[in-house]
């Protein structure tokens, strides 16, 4: 007789011993915490990401397409931070 093996659900995990942990067994504390987007620089100078983008945008040696990408990334980061703060 053949037995069907069901794959784990998308949110199930396997622990270090190989045992399946069903997502219903995971408490809220066991789940990884969401990290907030940090728009400030981790450097000692404490300059913001906005200042760094402004500095890169004024650099004449940087190609225009890279300036555009950096601007879009900053816009997305700002929108994501605003959304996180609202929720």
PDB file of N, CA and C in Angstrom:
ATOM      1  N   UNK A   1       0.848  -1.179   0.000  1.00  0.00           N
ATOM      2  CA  UNK A   1       0.000   0.000   0.000  1.00  0.00           C
ATOM      3  C   UNK A   1       0.896   1.246   0.000  1.00  0.00           C
ATOM      4  N   UNK A   2       0.575   2.214  -0.838  1.00  0.00           N
ATOM      5  CA  UNK A   2       1.336   3.455  -0.930  1.00  0.00           C
ATOM      6  C   UNK A   2       0.682   4.531  -0.073  1.00  0.00           C
ATOM      7  N   UNK A   3       1.517   5.272   0.613  1.00  0.00           N
ATOM      8  CA  UNK A   3       1.027   6.373   1.432  1.00  0.00           C
ATOM      9  C   UNK A   3       1.404   7.693   0.764  1.00  0.00           C
ATOM     10  N   UNK A   4       0.468   8.582   0.729  1.00  0.00           N
ATOM     11  CA  UNK A   4       0.735   9.898   0.144  1.00  0.00           C
ATOM     12  C   UNK A   4       1.487  10.747   1.163  1.00  0.00           C
ATOM     13  N   UNK A   5       2.523  11.384   0.708  1.00  0.00           N
ATOM     14  CA  UNK A   5       3.277  12.288   1.568  1.00  0.00           C
ATOM     15  C   UNK A   5       2.869  13.702   1.198  1.00  0.00           C
ATOM     16  N   UNK A   6       2.321  14.396   2.168  1.00  0.00           N
ATOM     17  CA  UNK A   6       1.891  15.767   1.893  1.00  0.00           C
ATOM     18  C   UNK A   6       3.036  16.712   2.213  1.00  0.00           C
ATOM     19  N   UNK A   7       3.299  17.642   1.330  1.00  0.00           N
ATOM     20  CA  UNK A   7       4.372  18.608   1.599  1.00  0.00           C
ATOM     21  C   UNK A   7       3.945  19.555   2.713  1.00  0.00           C
ATOM     22  N   UNK A   8       4.899  20.132   3.412  1.00  0.00           N
ATOM     23  CA  UNK A   8       4.542  21.080   4.468  1.00  0.00           C
ATOM     24  C   UNK A   8       3.868  22.316   3.892  1.00  0.00           C
ATOM     25  N   UNK A   9       3.023  22.915   4.695  1.00  0.00           N
ATOM     26  CA  UNK A   9       2.361  24.157   4.290  1.00  0.00           C
ATOM     27  C   UNK A   9       3.416  25.252   4.145  1.00  0.00           C
ATOM     28  N   UNK A  10       3.114  26.312   3.414  1.00  0.00           N
ATOM     29  CA  UNK A  10       4.118  27.350   3.159  1.00  0.00           C
ATOM     30  C   UNK A  10       4.715  27.975   4.415  1.00  0.00           C
ATOM     31  N   UNK A  11       3.952  28.016   5.508  1.00  0.00           N
ATOM     32  CA  UNK A  11       4.449  28.682   6.705  1.00  0.00           C
ATOM     33  C   UNK A  11       4.911  27.704   7.777  1.00  0.00           C
ATOM     34  N   UNK A  12       4.933  26.399   7.473  1.00  0.00           N
ATOM     35  CA  UNK A  12       5.443  25.410   8.408  1.00  0.00           C
ATOM     36  C   UNK A  12       6.959  25.434   8.378  1.00  0.00           C
ATOM     37  N   UNK A  13       7.573  25.086   9.503  1.00  0.00           N
ATOM     38  CA  UNK A  13       9.029  25.058   9.579  1.00  0.00           C
ATOM     39  C   UNK A  13       9.487  23.705  10.101  1.00  0.00           C
ATOM     40  N   UNK A  14      10.732  23.392   9.842  1.00  0.00           N
ATOM     41  CA  UNK A  14      11.334  22.177  10.363  1.00  0.00           C
ATOM     42  C   UNK A  14      12.403  22.610  11.353  1.00  0.00           C
ATOM     43  N   UNK A  15      12.339  22.043  12.584  1.00  0.00           N
ATOM     44  CA  UNK A  15      13.317  22.446  13.594  1.00  0.00           C
ATOM     45  C   UNK A  15      14.644  21.733  13.382  1.00  0.00           C
ATOM     46  N   UNK A  16      15.584  21.974  14.277  1.00  0.00           N
ATOM     47  CA  UNK A  16      16.940  21.460  14.124  1.00  0.00           C
ATOM     48  C   UNK A  16      16.999  19.930  14.177  1.00  0.00           C
ATOM     49  N   UNK A  17      16.025  19.299  14.829  1.00  0.00           N
ATOM     50  CA  UNK A  17      16.008  17.836  14.914  1.00  0.00           C
ATOM     51  C   UNK A  17      15.300  17.206  13.723  1.00  0.00           C
ATOM     52  N   UNK A  18      14.775  18.010  12.836  1.00  0.00           N
ATOM     53  CA  UNK A  18      14.083  17.491  11.659  1.00  0.00           C
ATOM     54  C   UNK A  18      12.592  17.327  11.863  1.00  0.00           C
ATOM     55  N   UNK A  19      12.077  17.736  13.011  1.00  0.00           N
ATOM     56  CA  UNK A  19      10.654  17.629  13.293  1.00  0.00           C
ATOM     57  C   UNK A  19       9.907  18.792  12.642  1.00  0.00           C
ATOM     58  N   UNK A  20       8.762  18.492  12.085  1.00  0.00           N
ATOM     59  CA  UNK A  20       7.947  19.511  11.435  1.00  0.00           C
ATOM     60  C   UNK A  20       7.217  20.324  12.494  1.00  0.00           C
ATOM     61  N   UNK A  21       7.326  21.632  12.412  1.00  0.00           N
ATOM     62  CA  UNK A  21       6.597  22.534  13.302  1.00  0.00           C
ATOM     63  C   UNK A  21       5.477  23.142  12.472  1.00  0.00           C
ATOM     64  N   UNK A  22       4.259  22.820  12.798  1.00  0.00           N
ATOM     65  CA  UNK A  22       3.110  23.340  12.063  1.00  0.00           C
ATOM     66  C   UNK A  22       2.928  24.799  12.441  1.00  0.00           C
ATOM     67  N   UNK A  23       2.536  25.612  11.470  1.00  0.00           N
ATOM     68  CA  UNK A  23       2.431  27.052  11.715  1.00  0.00           C
ATOM     69  C   UNK A  23       1.445  27.375  12.831  1.00  0.00           C
ATOM     70  N   UNK A  24       0.463  26.508  13.062  1.00  0.00           N
ATOM     71  CA  UNK A  24      -0.485  26.749  14.147  1.00  0.00           C
ATOM     72  C   UNK A  24       0.193  26.605  15.505  1.00  0.00           C
ATOM     73  N   UNK A  25       1.324  25.861  15.561  1.00  0.00           N
ATOM     74  CA  UNK A  25       2.049  25.674  16.814  1.00  0.00           C
ATOM     75  C   UNK A  25       2.942  26.856  17.152  1.00  0.00           C
ATOM     76  N   UNK A  26       3.161  27.743  16.208  1.00  0.00           N
ATOM     77  CA  UNK A  26       4.055  28.874  16.433  1.00  0.00           C
ATOM     78  C   UNK A  26       3.300  30.000  17.123  1.00  0.00           C
ATOM     79  N   UNK A  27       3.834  30.456  18.229  1.00  0.00           N
ATOM     80  CA  UNK A  27       3.196  31.573  18.912  1.00  0.00           C
ATOM     81  C   UNK A  27       3.683  32.877  18.286  1.00  0.00           C
ATOM     82  N   UNK A  28       3.050  33.954  18.669  1.00  0.00           N
ATOM     83  CA  UNK A  28       3.416  35.267  18.131  1.00  0.00           C
ATOM     84  C   UNK A  28       4.857  35.620  18.487  1.00  0.00           C
ATOM     85  N   UNK A  29       5.330  35.174  19.651  1.00  0.00           N
ATOM     86  CA  UNK A  29       6.683  35.496  20.091  1.00  0.00           C
ATOM     87  C   UNK A  29       7.738  34.758  19.272  1.00  0.00           C
ATOM     88  N   UNK A  30       7.383  33.602  18.698  1.00  0.00           N
ATOM     89  CA  UNK A  30       8.345  32.813  17.934  1.00  0.00           C
ATOM     90  C   UNK A  30       8.581  33.363  16.535  1.00  0.00           C
ATOM     91  N   UNK A  31       7.675  34.166  16.065  1.00  0.00           N
ATOM     92  CA  UNK A  31       7.804  34.689  14.705  1.00  0.00           C
ATOM     93  C   UNK A  31       8.811  35.835  14.690  1.00  0.00           C
ATOM     94  N   UNK A  32       9.549  35.958  13.598  1.00  0.00           N
ATOM     95  CA  UNK A  32      10.518  37.059  13.540  1.00  0.00           C
ATOM     96  C   UNK A  32       9.805  38.409  13.498  1.00  0.00           C
ATOM     97  N   UNK A  33      10.389  39.374  14.163  1.00  0.00           N
ATOM     98  CA  UNK A  33       9.800  40.714  14.210  1.00  0.00           C
ATOM     99  C   UNK A  33      10.083  41.447  12.906  1.00  0.00           C
ATOM    100  N   UNK A  34       9.151  42.289  12.511  1.00  0.00           N
ATOM    101  CA  UNK A  34       9.352  43.105  11.314  1.00  0.00           C
ATOM    102  C   UNK A  34      10.288  44.250  11.662  1.00  0.00           C
ATOM    103  N   UNK A  35      11.231  44.473  10.776  1.00  0.00           N
ATOM    104  CA  UNK A  35      12.162  45.571  11.008  1.00  0.00           C
ATOM    105  C   UNK A  35      11.648  46.824  10.331  1.00  0.00           C
ATOM    106  N   UNK A  36      11.802  47.939  11.011  1.00  0.00           N
ATOM    107  CA  UNK A  36      11.417  49.215  10.423  1.00  0.00           C
ATOM    108  C   UNK A  36      12.507  49.682   9.487  1.00  0.00           C
ATOM    109  N   UNK A  37      12.116  50.410   8.488  1.00  0.00           N
ATOM    110  CA  UNK A  37      13.057  50.973   7.538  1.00  0.00           C
ATOM    111  C   UNK A  37      13.772  52.142   8.193  1.00  0.00           C
ATOM    112  N   UNK A  38      15.089  52.132   8.111  1.00  0.00           N
ATOM    113  CA  UNK A  38      15.869  53.184   8.743  1.00  0.00           C
ATOM    114  C   UNK A  38      16.314  54.178   7.674  1.00  0.00           C
ATOM    115  N   UNK A  39      15.779  55.385   7.734  1.00  0.00           N
ATOM    116  CA  UNK A  39      16.121  56.410   6.758  1.00  0.00           C
ATOM    117  C   UNK A  39      17.282  57.279   7.218  1.00  0.00           C
ATOM    118  N   UNK A  40      17.857  56.962   8.361  1.00  0.00           N
ATOM    119  CA  UNK A  40      19.036  57.685   8.826  1.00  0.00           C
ATOM    120  C   UNK A  40      20.255  56.809   8.628  1.00  0.00           C
ATOM    121  N   UNK A  41      21.387  57.419   8.508  1.00  0.00           N
ATOM    122  CA  UNK A  41      22.625  56.693   8.266  1.00  0.00           C
ATOM    123  C   UNK A  41      23.140  56.065   9.557  1.00  0.00           C
ATOM    124  N   UNK A  42      23.645  54.838   9.490  1.00  0.00           N
ATOM    125  CA  UNK A  42      24.210  54.227  10.687  1.00  0.00           C
ATOM    126  C   UNK A  42      25.609  54.754  11.005  1.00  0.00           C
ATOM    127  N   UNK A  43      26.135  55.634  10.169  1.00  0.00           N
ATOM    128  CA  UNK A  43      27.486  56.155  10.383  1.00  0.00           C
ATOM    129  C   UNK A  43      27.506  57.137  11.550  1.00  0.00           C
ATOM    130  N   UNK A  44      28.696  57.529  11.935  1.00  0.00           N
ATOM    131  CA  UNK A  44      28.868  58.451  13.058  1.00  0.00           C
ATOM    132  C   UNK A  44      28.364  59.855  12.743  1.00  0.00           C
ATOM    133  N   UNK A  45      28.350  60.209  11.479  1.00  0.00           N
ATOM    134  CA  UNK A  45      27.958  61.567  11.108  1.00  0.00           C
ATOM    135  C   UNK A  45      26.457  61.795  11.226  1.00  0.00           C
ATOM    136  N   UNK A  46      25.675  60.747  11.265  1.00  0.00           N
ATOM    137  CA  UNK A  46      24.219  60.807  11.412  1.00  0.00           C
ATOM    138  C   UNK A  46      23.542  61.613  10.304  1.00  0.00           C
ATOM    139  N   UNK A  47      24.074  61.512   9.102  1.00  0.00           N
ATOM    140  CA  UNK A  47      23.415  62.169   7.976  1.00  0.00           C
ATOM    141  C   UNK A  47      22.277  61.279   7.503  1.00  0.00           C
ATOM    142  N   UNK A  48      21.252  61.880   6.985  1.00  0.00           N
ATOM    143  CA  UNK A  48      20.097  61.112   6.559  1.00  0.00           C
ATOM    144  C   UNK A  48      20.295  60.560   5.155  1.00  0.00           C
ATOM    145  N   UNK A  49      19.462  59.609   4.824  1.00  0.00           N
ATOM    146  CA  UNK A  49      19.478  59.019   3.494  1.00  0.00           C
ATOM    147  C   UNK A  49      19.124  60.070   2.447  1.00  0.00           C
ATOM    148  N   UNK A  50      18.251  60.974   2.800  1.00  0.00           N
ATOM    149  CA  UNK A  50      17.854  62.048   1.886  1.00  0.00           C
ATOM    150  C   UNK A  50      19.059  62.917   1.536  1.00  0.00           C
ATOM    151  N   UNK A  51      19.881  63.217   2.531  1.00  0.00           N
ATOM    152  CA  UNK A  51      21.087  64.017   2.275  1.00  0.00           C
ATOM    153  C   UNK A  51      22.060  63.276   1.363  1.00  0.00           C
ATOM    154  N   UNK A  52      22.198  61.966   1.579  1.00  0.00           N
ATOM    155  CA  UNK A  52      23.102  61.166   0.750  1.00  0.00           C
ATOM    156  C   UNK A  52      22.617  61.115  -0.694  1.00  0.00           C
ATOM    157  N   UNK A  53      21.307  60.989  -0.886  1.00  0.00           N
ATOM    158  CA  UNK A  53      20.752  60.968  -2.244  1.00  0.00           C
ATOM    159  C   UNK A  53      20.940  62.326  -2.908  1.00  0.00           C
ATOM    160  N   UNK A  54      20.760  63.402  -2.165  1.00  0.00           N
ATOM    161  CA  UNK A  54      20.969  64.742  -2.726  1.00  0.00           C
ATOM    162  C   UNK A  54      22.423  64.922  -3.153  1.00  0.00           C
ATOM    163  N   UNK A  55      23.341  64.401  -2.360  1.00  0.00           N
ATOM    164  CA  UNK A  55      24.757  64.492  -2.696  1.00  0.00           C
ATOM    165  C   UNK A  55      25.073  63.687  -3.958  1.00  0.00           C
ATOM    166  N   UNK A  56      24.510  62.484  -4.056  1.00  0.00           N
ATOM    167  CA  UNK A  56      24.725  61.665  -5.255  1.00  0.00           C
ATOM    168  C   UNK A  56      24.085  62.293  -6.487  1.00  0.00           C
ATOM    169  N   UNK A  57      22.921  62.907  -6.317  1.00  0.00           N
ATOM    170  CA  UNK A  57      22.230  63.518  -7.453  1.00  0.00           C
ATOM    171  C   UNK A  57      22.998  64.701  -8.016  1.00  0.00           C
ATOM    172  N   UNK A  58      23.738  65.387  -7.164  1.00  0.00           N
ATOM    173  CA  UNK A  58      24.498  66.541  -7.638  1.00  0.00           C
ATOM    174  C   UNK A  58      25.861  66.150  -8.214  1.00  0.00           C
ATOM    175  N   UNK A  59      26.219  64.870  -8.113  1.00  0.00           N
ATOM    176  CA  UNK A  59      27.499  64.384  -8.642  1.00  0.00           C
ATOM    177  C   UNK A  59      27.412  64.272 -10.163  1.00  0.00           C
ATOM    178  N   UNK A  60      28.224  65.058 -10.878  1.00  0.00           N
ATOM    179  CA  UNK A  60      28.193  65.045 -12.342  1.00  0.00           C
ATOM    180  C   UNK A  60      28.833  63.789 -12.921  1.00  0.00           C
ATOM    181  N   UNK A  61      29.610  63.075 -12.138  1.00  0.00           N
ATOM    182  CA  UNK A  61      30.259  61.859 -12.624  1.00  0.00           C
ATOM    183  C   UNK A  61      29.351  60.646 -12.615  1.00  0.00           C
ATOM    184  N   UNK A  62      28.213  60.741 -11.951  1.00  0.00           N
ATOM    185  CA  UNK A  62      27.275  59.627 -11.865  1.00  0.00           C
ATOM    186  C   UNK A  62      26.346  59.645 -13.074  1.00  0.00           C
ATOM    187  N   UNK A  63      26.208  58.513 -13.776  1.00  0.00           N
ATOM    188  CA  UNK A  63      25.321  58.478 -14.945  1.00  0.00           C
ATOM    189  C   UNK A  63      23.870  58.796 -14.568  1.00  0.00           C
ATOM    190  N   UNK A  64      23.152  59.361 -15.519  1.00  0.00           N
ATOM    191  CA  UNK A  64      21.775  59.799 -15.284  1.00  0.00           C
ATOM    192  C   UNK A  64      20.874  58.632 -14.895  1.00  0.00           C
ATOM    193  N   UNK A  65      21.065  57.465 -15.523  1.00  0.00           N
ATOM    194  CA  UNK A  65      20.183  56.338 -15.206  1.00  0.00           C
ATOM    195  C   UNK A  65      20.371  55.879 -13.756  1.00  0.00           C
ATOM    196  N   UNK A  66      21.584  55.986 -13.211  1.00  0.00           N
ATOM    197  CA  UNK A  66      21.794  55.632 -11.809  1.00  0.00           C
ATOM    198  C   UNK A  66      21.160  56.659 -10.874  1.00  0.00           C
ATOM    199  N   UNK A  67      21.210  57.928 -11.263  1.00  0.00           N
ATOM    200  CA  UNK A  67      20.551  58.962 -10.468  1.00  0.00           C
ATOM    201  C   UNK A  67      19.042  58.716 -10.421  1.00  0.00           C
ATOM    202  N   UNK A  68      18.485  58.304 -11.555  1.00  0.00           N
ATOM    203  CA  UNK A  68      17.052  58.019 -11.619  1.00  0.00           C
ATOM    204  C   UNK A  68      16.691  56.848 -10.720  1.00  0.00           C
ATOM    205  N   UNK A  69      17.489  55.795 -10.766  1.00  0.00           N
ATOM    206  CA  UNK A  69      17.232  54.617  -9.930  1.00  0.00           C
ATOM    207  C   UNK A  69      17.307  54.981  -8.456  1.00  0.00           C
ATOM    208  N   UNK A  70      18.315  55.745  -8.083  1.00  0.00           N
ATOM    209  CA  UNK A  70      18.475  56.151  -6.682  1.00  0.00           C
ATOM    210  C   UNK A  70      17.286  56.998  -6.236  1.00  0.00           C
ATOM    211  N   UNK A  71      16.823  57.888  -7.096  1.00  0.00           N
ATOM    212  CA  UNK A  71      15.653  58.704  -6.768  1.00  0.00           C
ATOM    213  C   UNK A  71      14.404  57.867  -6.565  1.00  0.00           C
ATOM    214  N   UNK A  72      14.198  56.870  -7.433  1.00  0.00           N
ATOM    215  CA  UNK A  72      13.036  55.985  -7.287  1.00  0.00           C
ATOM    216  C   UNK A  72      13.131  55.152  -6.012  1.00  0.00           C
ATOM    217  N   UNK A  73      14.328  54.670  -5.689  1.00  0.00           N
ATOM    218  CA  UNK A  73      14.503  53.891  -4.465  1.00  0.00           C
ATOM    219  C   UNK A  73      14.224  54.729  -3.222  1.00  0.00           C
ATOM    220  N   UNK A  74      14.660  55.980  -3.236  1.00  0.00           N
ATOM    221  CA  UNK A  74      14.381  56.865  -2.104  1.00  0.00           C
ATOM    222  C   UNK A  74      12.885  57.118  -1.976  1.00  0.00           C
ATOM    223  N   UNK A  75      12.221  57.326  -3.104  1.00  0.00           N
ATOM    224  CA  UNK A  75      10.778  57.555  -3.074  1.00  0.00           C
ATOM    225  C   UNK A  75      10.047  56.343  -2.509  1.00  0.00           C
ATOM    226  N   UNK A  76      10.440  55.141  -2.945  1.00  0.00           N
ATOM    227  CA  UNK A  76       9.821  53.909  -2.438  1.00  0.00           C
ATOM    228  C   UNK A  76      10.087  53.739  -0.942  1.00  0.00           C
ATOM    229  N   UNK A  77      11.310  54.044  -0.517  1.00  0.00           N
ATOM    230  CA  UNK A  77      11.653  53.914   0.898  1.00  0.00           C
ATOM    231  C   UNK A  77      10.834  54.883   1.742  1.00  0.00           C
ATOM    232  N   UNK A  78      10.662  56.082   1.251  1.00  0.00           N
ATOM    233  CA  UNK A  78       9.877  57.084   1.972  1.00  0.00           C
ATOM    234  C   UNK A  78       8.416  56.666   2.065  1.00  0.00           C
ATOM    235  N   UNK A  79       7.856  56.175   0.962  1.00  0.00           N
ATOM    236  CA  UNK A  79       6.463  55.718   0.971  1.00  0.00           C
ATOM    237  C   UNK A  79       6.278  54.523   1.901  1.00  0.00           C
ATOM    238  N   UNK A  80       7.230  53.601   1.897  1.00  0.00           N
ATOM    239  CA  UNK A  80       7.143  52.430   2.774  1.00  0.00           C
ATOM    240  C   UNK A  80       7.211  52.847   4.235  1.00  0.00           C
ATOM    241  N   UNK A  81       8.068  53.804   4.556  1.00  0.00           N
ATOM    242  CA  UNK A  81       8.181  54.279   5.934  1.00  0.00           C
ATOM    243  C   UNK A  81       6.894  54.962   6.376  1.00  0.00           C
ATOM    244  N   UNK A  82       6.289  55.749   5.500  1.00  0.00           N
ATOM    245  CA  UNK A  82       5.019  56.405   5.828  1.00  0.00           C
ATOM    246  C   UNK A  82       3.919  55.375   6.050  1.00  0.00           C
ATOM    247  N   UNK A  83       3.891  54.335   5.238  1.00  0.00           N
ATOM    248  CA  UNK A  83       2.886  53.284   5.379  1.00  0.00           C
ATOM    249  C   UNK A  83       3.061  52.536   6.694  1.00  0.00           C
ATOM    250  N   UNK A  84       4.296  52.243   7.054  1.00  0.00           N
ATOM    251  CA  UNK A  84       4.562  51.546   8.314  1.00  0.00           C
ATOM    252  C   UNK A  84       4.139  52.406   9.501  1.00  0.00           C
ATOM    253  N   UNK A  85       4.385  53.706   9.429  1.00  0.00           N
ATOM    254  CA  UNK A  85       4.010  54.590  10.534  1.00  0.00           C
ATOM    255  C   UNK A  85       2.499  54.716  10.665  1.00  0.00           C
ATOM    256  N   UNK A  86       1.773  54.649   9.541  1.00  0.00           N
ATOM    257  CA  UNK A  86       0.310  54.722   9.597  1.00  0.00           C
ATOM    258  C   UNK A  86      -0.290  53.463  10.198  1.00  0.00           C
ATOM    259  N   UNK A  87       0.356  52.326   9.953  1.00  0.00           N
ATOM    260  CA  UNK A  87      -0.177  51.054  10.460  1.00  0.00           C
ATOM    261  C   UNK A  87       0.507  50.744  11.739  1.00  0.00           C
TER     262      UNK A  87
END
